[in-house]
Amino acid sequence: MSTEDSVELQRMRWRCRRGLLELDIVLGRFVEQRYPQLNDEQRIVFDELLDLPDTQFWDLITGSKALTHAHQSEVLEWLKVV
């Protein structure tokens, strides 16, 4: 892993710290297990999802809210299984 990749991973770990414990756990696992393998487009989508308020983001992960942006479905499905 390059220094640039390491810095990006650290940035993502920090960005994934949330107020909702369940979301914090899921995002932490995702960053450790999946984030390093994401391509640039998938990282942009993940970043978009991180911009959502905690409750909306959690509702998407749990399936209690329908996804409105189809391009986010792949990353969201990965979040559901970590």
Protein backbone atom coordinates (compact mmCIF):
# COMPACT_ATOMS: atom_id res chain seq x y z
CA MET A 1 0.00 0.00 0.00
CA SER A 2 1.39 3.35 -1.00
CA THR A 3 1.56 6.35 1.30
CA GLU A 4 -1.16 8.03 -0.75
CA ASP A 5 -3.45 4.98 -0.32
CA SER A 6 -2.70 4.91 3.39
CA VAL A 7 -3.60 8.58 3.78
CA GLU A 8 -6.83 8.04 1.81
CA LEU A 9 -7.75 5.08 4.02
CA GLN A 10 -7.13 7.15 7.15
CA ARG A 11 -9.27 9.96 5.74
CA MET A 12 -12.08 7.50 5.07
CA ARG A 13 -11.85 5.98 8.54
CA TRP A 14 -12.25 9.46 10.01
CA ARG A 15 -15.08 10.37 7.65
CA CYS A 16 -16.97 7.19 8.59
CA ARG A 17 -17.17 8.11 12.27
CA ARG A 18 -20.85 8.75 12.84
CA GLY A 19 -23.25 9.54 15.67
CA LEU A 20 -25.27 6.38 15.10
CA LEU A 21 -23.38 3.43 16.61
CA GLU A 22 -24.79 0.83 14.20
CA LEU A 23 -23.81 2.94 11.21
CA ASP A 24 -20.38 3.58 12.70
CA ILE A 25 -19.81 -0.19 12.99
CA VAL A 26 -21.01 -0.99 9.45
CA LEU A 27 -18.97 1.80 7.89
CA GLY A 28 -15.85 0.87 9.85
CA ARG A 29 -16.08 -2.73 8.67
CA PHE A 30 -16.75 -1.62 5.10
CA VAL A 31 -13.69 0.63 5.02
CA GLU A 32 -11.48 -2.16 6.34
CA GLN A 33 -12.89 -4.95 4.15
CA ARG A 34 -13.96 -3.29 0.91
CA TYR A 35 -12.79 0.29 0.48
CA PRO A 36 -9.22 -0.45 -0.70
CA GLN A 37 -10.61 -2.47 -3.64
CA LEU A 38 -13.09 0.17 -4.82
CA ASN A 39 -12.42 1.88 -8.13
CA ASP A 40 -12.64 5.68 -8.49
CA GLU A 41 -16.30 5.65 -9.51
CA GLN A 42 -17.28 3.43 -6.59
CA ARG A 43 -15.35 5.68 -4.19
CA ILE A 44 -17.28 8.69 -5.49
CA VAL A 45 -20.56 6.84 -4.87
CA PHE A 46 -19.44 5.90 -1.35
CA ASP A 47 -18.56 9.54 -0.74
CA GLU A 48 -22.06 10.56 -1.90
CA LEU A 49 -23.59 8.11 0.55
CA LEU A 50 -21.45 9.49 3.36
CA ASP A 51 -22.96 12.92 2.69
CA LEU A 52 -26.39 11.62 3.75
CA PRO A 53 -27.67 12.25 7.27
CA ASP A 54 -27.14 9.25 9.54
CA THR A 55 -30.79 8.22 9.76
CA GLN A 56 -31.33 8.35 5.99
CA PHE A 57 -28.12 6.42 5.37
CA TRP A 58 -29.06 3.77 7.95
CA ASP A 59 -32.56 3.44 6.45
CA LEU A 60 -30.98 2.70 3.05
CA ILE A 61 -28.68 0.07 4.53
CA THR A 62 -31.47 -1.66 6.44
CA GLY A 63 -33.83 -1.48 3.47
CA SER A 64 -36.50 0.53 5.28
CA LYS A 65 -36.06 3.28 2.68
CA ALA A 66 -35.92 2.76 -1.07
CA LEU A 67 -32.86 3.84 -2.99
CA THR A 68 -33.55 6.84 -5.23
CA HIS A 69 -30.25 6.87 -7.14
CA ALA A 70 -29.70 3.63 -9.06
CA HIS A 71 -25.97 4.30 -9.53
CA GLN A 72 -25.52 3.84 -5.76
CA SER A 73 -27.01 0.34 -5.65
CA GLU A 74 -23.78 -1.65 -6.03
CA VAL A 75 -21.98 0.08 -3.16
CA LEU A 76 -25.12 0.00 -1.02
CA GLU A 77 -25.46 -3.76 -1.52
CA TRP A 78 -21.87 -4.22 -0.32
CA LEU A 79 -22.65 -2.13 2.75
CA LYS A 80 -25.60 -4.36 3.52
CA VAL A 81 -23.46 -7.49 3.73
CA VAL A 82 -20.59 -6.32 5.95
